[in-house]
Protein backbone atom coordinates (compact mmCIF):
# COMPACT_ATOMS: atom_id res chain seq x y z
CA MET A 1 11.49 18.49 15.53
CA ALA A 2 8.65 17.66 17.90
CA ASP A 3 9.28 15.92 21.21
CA GLN A 4 8.38 12.23 21.44
CA GLU A 5 5.42 12.94 23.72
CA ASP A 6 4.00 15.24 21.03
CA VAL A 7 3.45 12.41 18.53
CA PRO A 8 -0.17 11.60 19.54
CA ARG A 9 -1.02 15.33 19.59
CA LEU A 10 0.42 15.79 16.10
CA ALA A 11 -1.80 13.05 14.73
CA ASN A 12 -4.91 14.21 16.58
CA GLU A 13 -4.59 17.80 15.38
CA VAL A 14 -4.88 16.80 11.72
CA GLN A 15 -8.12 18.30 10.43
CA CYS A 16 -8.66 15.92 7.54
CA ARG A 17 -7.20 12.59 8.52
CA PRO A 18 -7.18 10.08 5.64
CA ARG A 19 -8.64 6.64 6.12
CA MET A 20 -6.59 3.66 7.19
CA ASP A 21 -8.07 1.54 4.42
CA CYS A 22 -6.71 3.42 1.40
CA ASN A 23 -4.55 0.42 0.50
CA ASN A 24 -7.33 -1.70 -0.93
CA HIS A 25 -4.80 -4.26 -2.18
CA LEU A 26 -3.99 -5.41 1.34
CA GLN A 27 -7.56 -4.68 2.40
CA MET A 28 -8.71 -7.38 -0.01
CA VAL A 29 -5.94 -9.75 1.09
CA GLN A 30 -7.07 -9.16 4.67
CA GLY A 31 -10.62 -9.99 3.65
CA CYS A 32 -9.46 -13.32 2.23
CA VAL A 33 -7.42 -13.98 5.37
CA ASP A 34 -10.47 -13.30 7.53
CA ARG A 35 -12.53 -15.65 5.36
CA LEU A 36 -9.98 -18.39 6.07
CA GLY A 37 -10.37 -17.78 9.78
CA VAL A 38 -6.68 -16.99 10.23
CA ASP A 39 -5.94 -14.49 12.99
CA VAL A 40 -3.58 -11.96 11.40
CA GLU A 41 -3.64 -8.34 12.52
CA ALA A 42 -3.74 -5.82 9.69
CA ALA A 43 -0.59 -4.09 10.96
CA TRP A 44 1.28 -7.40 11.02
CA LEU A 45 0.19 -8.16 7.46
CA TYR A 46 1.26 -4.70 6.24
CA GLY A 47 4.62 -4.96 7.97
CA VAL A 48 5.57 -8.47 6.92
CA ALA A 49 4.31 -7.95 3.35
CA GLY A 50 6.42 -4.80 3.18
CA HIS A 51 3.70 -2.35 2.16
CA ALA A 52 4.04 -0.55 5.50
CA PHE A 53 7.47 0.69 4.42
CA MET A 54 6.89 1.21 0.71
CA ILE A 55 6.61 4.57 -1.04
CA ASN A 56 6.67 5.31 -4.76
CA ILE A 57 6.06 8.70 -6.38
CA PRO A 58 6.22 8.77 -10.21
CA ARG A 59 6.82 11.89 -12.30
CA GLY A 60 4.07 14.45 -11.96
CA VAL A 61 2.89 12.89 -8.68
CA CYS A 62 0.88 10.44 -10.75
CA CYS A 63 -2.03 8.50 -9.27
CA SER A 64 -0.22 5.31 -10.30
CA GLY A 65 2.30 5.71 -7.46
CA PRO A 66 0.79 2.94 -5.29
CA SER A 67 0.75 0.47 -8.19
CA ALA A 68 3.61 1.48 -10.54
CA TRP A 69 6.18 -0.83 -8.94
CA ASP A 70 6.67 -4.58 -8.63
CA TRP A 71 3.83 -4.92 -6.11
CA HIS A 72 3.38 -8.61 -6.98
CA LEU A 73 6.63 -9.30 -5.12
CA ILE A 74 4.81 -8.92 -1.81
CA CYS A 75 2.87 -12.06 -2.69
CA GLU A 76 6.06 -14.01 -2.01
CA ARG A 77 6.47 -12.53 1.47
CA THR A 78 3.34 -13.53 3.38
CA PRO A 79 3.95 -17.29 3.95
CA THR A 80 6.14 -16.40 6.94
CA ILE A 81 3.00 -15.39 8.87
CA GLY A 82 0.90 -18.43 8.02
CA VAL A 83 -0.80 -16.98 4.94
CA ASP A 84 0.31 -18.07 1.47
CA THR A 85 -0.43 -15.59 -1.34
CA SER A 86 2.29 -16.87 -3.66
CA GLU A 87 -0.09 -18.59 -6.11
CA TYR A 88 -1.43 -16.16 -8.71
CA VAL A 89 -1.76 -15.36 -12.40
CA LEU A 90 -0.47 -11.99 -13.61
CA SER A 91 -0.38 -10.48 -17.08
CA TRP A 92 -0.80 -7.20 -18.93
CA ARG A 93 -3.07 -6.54 -21.87
CA ASN A 94 -0.11 -5.67 -24.14
CA ASP A 95 1.83 -8.87 -23.37
CA CYS A 96 2.35 -11.10 -26.41
CA ASP A 97 0.92 -14.10 -24.55
CA PHE A 98 -1.94 -12.20 -22.93
CA GLN A 99 -4.73 -14.38 -24.32
CA ARG A 100 -3.05 -17.57 -23.07
CA ARG A 101 -2.56 -16.04 -19.63
CA LYS A 102 -6.13 -14.77 -19.63
CA ASP A 103 -7.46 -18.26 -20.37
CA GLU A 104 -5.23 -19.59 -17.60
CA ALA A 105 -6.54 -16.94 -15.20
CA ILE A 106 -10.16 -17.81 -16.02
CA GLU A 107 -9.62 -21.51 -15.34
CA PHE A 108 -7.60 -20.66 -12.23
CA THR A 109 -10.47 -18.51 -10.92
CA LYS A 110 -13.14 -21.12 -11.64
CA ALA A 111 -11.18 -24.00 -10.10
CA LYS A 112 -10.03 -22.20 -6.97
CA HIS A 113 -13.45 -20.70 -6.28
CA ALA A 114 -15.10 -24.11 -6.72
CA ALA A 115 -12.62 -25.50 -4.20
CA GLY A 116 -13.52 -22.83 -1.67
CA VAL A 117 -10.21 -20.96 -1.90
CA PRO A 118 -10.59 -17.18 -1.28
CA LEU A 119 -9.55 -15.13 -4.31
CA TYR A 120 -8.74 -11.48 -4.86
CA GLY A 121 -7.81 -9.65 -8.03
CA ALA A 122 -7.19 -6.47 -10.01
CA GLU A 123 -8.36 -4.33 -11.73
CA PHE A 124 -11.31 -2.53 -13.28
CA GLY A 125 -10.29 1.07 -12.76
CA TYR A 126 -12.10 1.76 -9.50
CA PRO A 127 -11.64 -0.14 -7.35
CA GLU A 128 -8.22 -1.43 -8.24
CA TRP A 129 -8.67 -4.52 -6.05
CA TYR A 130 -11.59 -6.75 -5.21
CA MET A 131 -12.55 -10.17 -3.81
CA VAL A 132 -14.13 -12.77 -6.06
CA SER A 133 -17.54 -13.81 -4.72
CA GLY A 134 -18.92 -16.05 -7.47
CA THR A 135 -18.28 -17.54 -10.92
CA SER A 136 -20.36 -18.74 -13.84
CA GLU A 137 -19.78 -19.68 -17.45
CA GLN A 138 -20.45 -16.08 -18.46
CA GLY A 139 -18.26 -14.33 -15.92
CA PHE A 140 -17.79 -13.64 -12.24
CA THR A 141 -18.97 -11.38 -9.44
CA TYR A 142 -16.70 -9.49 -7.12
CA VAL A 143 -17.04 -7.52 -3.92
CA TYR A 144 -15.26 -4.28 -3.10
CA THR A 145 -15.58 -1.45 -0.63
CA ASN A 146 -16.78 1.99 -1.61
CA GLY A 147 -14.29 3.99 0.41
CA LEU A 148 -16.27 7.24 0.38
CA LYS A 149 -19.58 5.65 1.39
CA ARG A 150 -17.99 2.92 3.53
CA THR A 151 -20.27 0.32 1.98
CA TYR A 152 -19.71 -3.03 0.25
CA CYS A 153 -20.65 -3.28 -3.40
CA THR A 154 -21.06 -6.32 -5.65
CA THR A 155 -20.49 -6.18 -9.42
CA PHE A 156 -20.69 -8.69 -12.25
CA ARG A 157 -18.12 -8.80 -15.07
CA THR A 158 -17.92 -11.04 -18.11
CA TRP A 159 -14.79 -13.06 -18.73
CA GLU A 160 -14.24 -10.88 -21.80
CA ASP A 161 -13.69 -7.93 -19.45
CA PHE A 162 -10.95 -9.77 -17.57
CA GLY A 163 -7.77 -7.72 -17.91
CA THR A 164 -9.11 -5.37 -20.58
CA ILE A 165 -10.54 -2.51 -18.49
CA ASP A 166 -8.64 0.67 -17.63
CA VAL A 167 -4.84 0.21 -17.83
CA GLY A 168 -5.10 -3.48 -18.66
CA ILE A 169 -3.76 -5.38 -15.65
CA LEU A 170 -4.92 -8.96 -15.25
CA PHE A 171 -4.29 -10.37 -11.79
CA VAL A 172 -6.01 -13.02 -9.72
CA GLY A 173 -4.49 -14.50 -6.60
CA ALA A 174 -5.36 -17.28 -4.18
CA VAL A 175 -5.02 -16.97 -0.40
CA ARG A 176 -4.33 -20.16 1.53
CA VAL A 177 -3.16 -21.21 4.96
CA SER A 178 0.55 -22.02 5.27
CA GLU A 179 2.68 -23.40 8.07
CA GLY A 180 4.43 -20.08 8.65
CA THR A 181 7.76 -19.53 10.34
CA ASP A 182 8.93 -17.98 13.58
CA ASP A 183 8.18 -14.31 14.21
CA GLY A 184 11.89 -13.49 14.38
CA ARG A 185 12.34 -14.47 10.74
CA ALA A 186 9.25 -12.48 9.72
CA VAL A 187 10.48 -9.32 11.48
CA ALA A 188 14.01 -9.63 10.12
CA ASP A 189 12.71 -10.02 6.56
CA ALA A 190 10.40 -7.03 7.02
CA LEU A 191 13.23 -4.83 8.23
CA ASP A 192 15.44 -5.97 5.33
CA PHE A 193 12.66 -4.93 2.97
CA ALA A 194 12.19 -1.57 4.71
CA LEU A 195 15.90 -0.76 4.50
CA ALA A 196 16.16 -1.85 0.87
CA VAL A 197 13.19 0.29 -0.16
CA GLY A 198 14.19 3.25 1.98
CA HIS A 199 17.66 3.46 0.44
CA ALA A 200 16.67 2.36 -3.08
CA ASP A 201 18.54 3.87 -6.03
CA GLU A 202 15.33 4.63 -7.93
CA GLU A 203 14.60 8.36 -7.75
CA GLN A 204 10.87 7.79 -7.22
CA MET A 205 11.17 5.25 -4.39
CA GLY A 206 12.05 5.32 -0.70
CA LEU A 207 13.56 8.46 0.79
CA ARG A 208 14.16 9.85 -2.69
CA ALA A 209 10.42 9.66 -3.34
CA TYR A 210 9.85 12.64 -1.05
CA ASP A 211 12.24 14.73 -3.13
CA ALA A 212 10.51 13.54 -6.31
CA TRP A 213 7.18 14.55 -4.78
CA ILE A 214 8.41 18.04 -3.89
CA THR A 215 9.92 18.47 -7.35
CA GLY A 216 6.77 17.14 -9.01
CA LEU A 217 4.50 19.61 -7.23
CA GLY A 218 6.61 22.47 -8.52
CA ASP A 219 6.80 21.10 -12.07
CA THR A 220 3.65 22.58 -13.56
CA GLY A 221 4.56 21.22 -16.99
CA ALA A 222 4.50 17.62 -15.75
CA LEU A 223 1.34 18.20 -13.75
CA ALA A 224 -0.42 19.71 -16.73
CA GLU A 225 0.34 16.70 -18.95
CA GLY A 226 -2.56 14.83 -17.41
CA PRO A 227 -5.36 16.47 -15.40
CA TRP A 228 -5.71 13.23 -13.42
CA ASN A 229 -2.18 13.75 -12.06
CA HIS A 230 -3.32 16.80 -10.15
CA PRO A 231 -4.74 17.30 -7.66
CA ASP A 232 -5.89 13.71 -7.26
CA GLY A 233 -2.34 12.39 -7.63
CA THR A 234 -1.22 14.05 -4.42
CA THR A 235 -4.56 13.41 -2.72
CA TYR A 236 -4.43 9.69 -3.45
CA ASN A 237 -0.71 9.23 -2.78
CA ALA A 238 -0.93 11.11 0.51
CA GLY A 239 -3.85 8.99 1.71
CA PHE A 240 -2.33 5.73 0.52
CA TRP A 241 1.15 6.26 1.98
CA TYR A 242 -0.35 7.66 5.18
CA ASP A 243 -2.20 4.37 5.54
CA CYS A 244 1.08 2.47 5.08
CA ARG A 245 3.08 4.58 7.55
CA ALA A 246 0.34 4.44 10.18
CA ARG A 247 0.47 0.64 9.85
CA ALA A 248 4.27 0.79 10.09
CA GLU A 249 3.96 2.46 13.47
CA GLN A 250 1.54 -0.23 14.65
CA PHE A 251 3.71 -3.02 13.26
CA LEU A 252 6.82 -1.74 15.02
CA ARG A 253 4.95 -1.58 18.32
CA LEU A 254 3.89 -5.20 17.85
CA CYS A 255 7.39 -6.46 17.10
CA PRO A 256 8.89 -6.48 20.62
CA LYS A 257 5.76 -8.17 21.95
CA ARG A 258 6.04 -10.91 19.34
CA LEU A 259 9.78 -11.33 19.90
CA SER A 260 9.89 -10.90 23.69
CA SER A 261 12.78 -8.65 22.76
CA LYS A 262 15.05 -6.46 24.86
CA LEU A 263 14.94 -4.07 21.92
CA GLU A 264 11.55 -2.63 22.88
CA PRO A 265 12.94 0.91 23.44
CA GLU A 266 14.46 0.88 19.95
CA PHE A 267 11.27 -0.43 18.36
CA THR A 268 9.30 2.25 20.22
CA ARG A 269 11.62 5.00 18.99
CA ALA A 270 11.27 3.76 15.42
CA ALA A 271 7.48 3.58 15.78
CA GLU A 272 7.39 7.18 16.98
CA GLU A 273 9.32 8.34 13.91
CA TYR A 274 6.91 6.54 11.60
CA ALA A 275 4.03 8.15 13.51
CA ARG A 276 5.58 11.48 12.60
CA VAL A 277 5.78 10.43 8.97
CA ALA A 278 2.10 9.45 9.03
CA ALA A 279 1.14 12.75 10.70
CA ALA A 280 3.03 14.75 8.06
CA LEU A 281 1.37 12.83 5.21
CA ALA A 282 -2.02 13.39 6.83
CA GLU A 283 -1.28 17.12 6.74
CA VAL A 284 -0.49 16.82 3.02
CA HIS A 285 -3.79 15.03 2.50
CA ALA A 286 -5.57 17.85 4.36
CA LEU A 287 -4.03 20.38 1.98
CA PHE A 288 -5.16 18.31 -1.03
CA PRO A 289 -8.64 17.05 -0.10
CA TYR A 290 -10.85 15.10 -2.48
CA GLY A 291 -12.92 17.35 -4.69
CA MET A 292 -10.56 20.33 -4.61
CA SER A 293 -10.18 22.60 -7.63
CA PRO A 294 -8.22 21.04 -10.52
CA ASP A 295 -6.25 24.26 -10.94
CA LEU A 296 -2.50 23.91 -10.63
CA PRO A 297 -1.27 24.47 -7.06
CA SER A 298 -0.28 27.95 -6.01
CA PRO A 299 3.32 28.63 -4.91
CA GLU A 300 2.03 29.04 -1.37
CA LEU A 301 0.33 25.64 -1.42
CA VAL A 302 3.43 24.00 -2.88
CA ALA A 303 5.57 25.60 -0.16
CA ARG A 304 3.31 24.42 2.67
CA THR A 305 3.04 20.93 1.23
CA SER A 306 6.79 20.71 0.66
CA GLU A 307 7.40 21.60 4.29
CA HIS A 308 5.35 18.62 5.44
CA LEU A 309 7.02 16.33 2.90
CA ARG A 310 10.47 17.37 4.13
CA ALA A 311 9.33 16.66 7.69
CA ALA A 312 8.15 13.21 6.58
CA ARG A 313 11.46 12.49 4.86
CA GLU A 314 13.47 13.60 7.89
CA ALA A 315 11.41 11.46 10.26
CA GLU A 316 11.65 8.47 7.94
CA THR A 317 15.41 8.94 7.67
CA ARG A 318 15.68 8.77 11.45
CA GLY A 319 13.34 5.80 11.52
CA LEU A 320 15.41 3.89 8.98
CA ASP A 321 18.58 4.57 10.96
CA ILE A 322 16.93 3.06 14.03
CA LEU A 323 15.69 0.06 12.03
CA ALA A 324 19.22 -0.54 10.74
CA GLY A 325 20.48 -0.72 14.31
CA ILE A 326 17.67 -3.10 15.29
CA ARG A 327 18.38 -5.35 12.31
CA LYS A 328 22.03 -5.66 13.28
CA ALA A 329 21.03 -6.60 16.82
CA LEU A 330 18.52 -9.29 15.83
């Protein structure tokens, strides 16, 4: 285990650091928040929403890891920080009442946009998430970021496309100002979420997700089932969860300042462990860069990657233990 003072060095030595905007779900929520003129730091949004502490790795290290869980539940969590994302329409293409929900989503989008309410939604394959920028009788326009080129792009879609592209998720959510609550409640709820996810029973979630990831990389049969599972599954998951853990570190460093808490040493220790998690995931991302060969990973690559994933799991285990102590003291 590295000494605490080594944490910045570990992060800086990563040769291929992933971006801190891989989570384009919260990136779009942040865009709506900024449009409202509400001052919410990205790390605070990630932490209170819970995404900072989430991890989900499906079988075969599938690219769906960041979205194959009840992500809509985070929409109920943001009002504590003065941003209400609890009003939305969600459906799947295969739902028996999909057409009714689609009609509802179209009217919801038109009405909220006309009222000046910022809207974000999902999904048309790439990007998964976007911000609505205009509506008409024929359809709507949306804005998203091209992560590789770091540019903003605008696209038009007909209402017929709504919820029918790619895997068939229909989601549109409104972002409004709320009264909020005290920071102590927001932090306590965030830590409760972190502990629940970290020690979840599901084998693909929390601490068990790292084991699922290691197993998945060695399961060539599962990887071969879909060429999109590898190598992009590990590339995307590593970048996405790195983004979340890097925000977790930032969030935990903000907490004692927001709470004027005597627990600053404990929050700092927890932040340092999550910095180690982020650094380990950045190493995984460096081993699986975008554009690498689609061949199945060699035993040597699996071994090196597994070493970093075990380091991430061990650091996160220590971090969760510290968070449990903090939660009891709050």
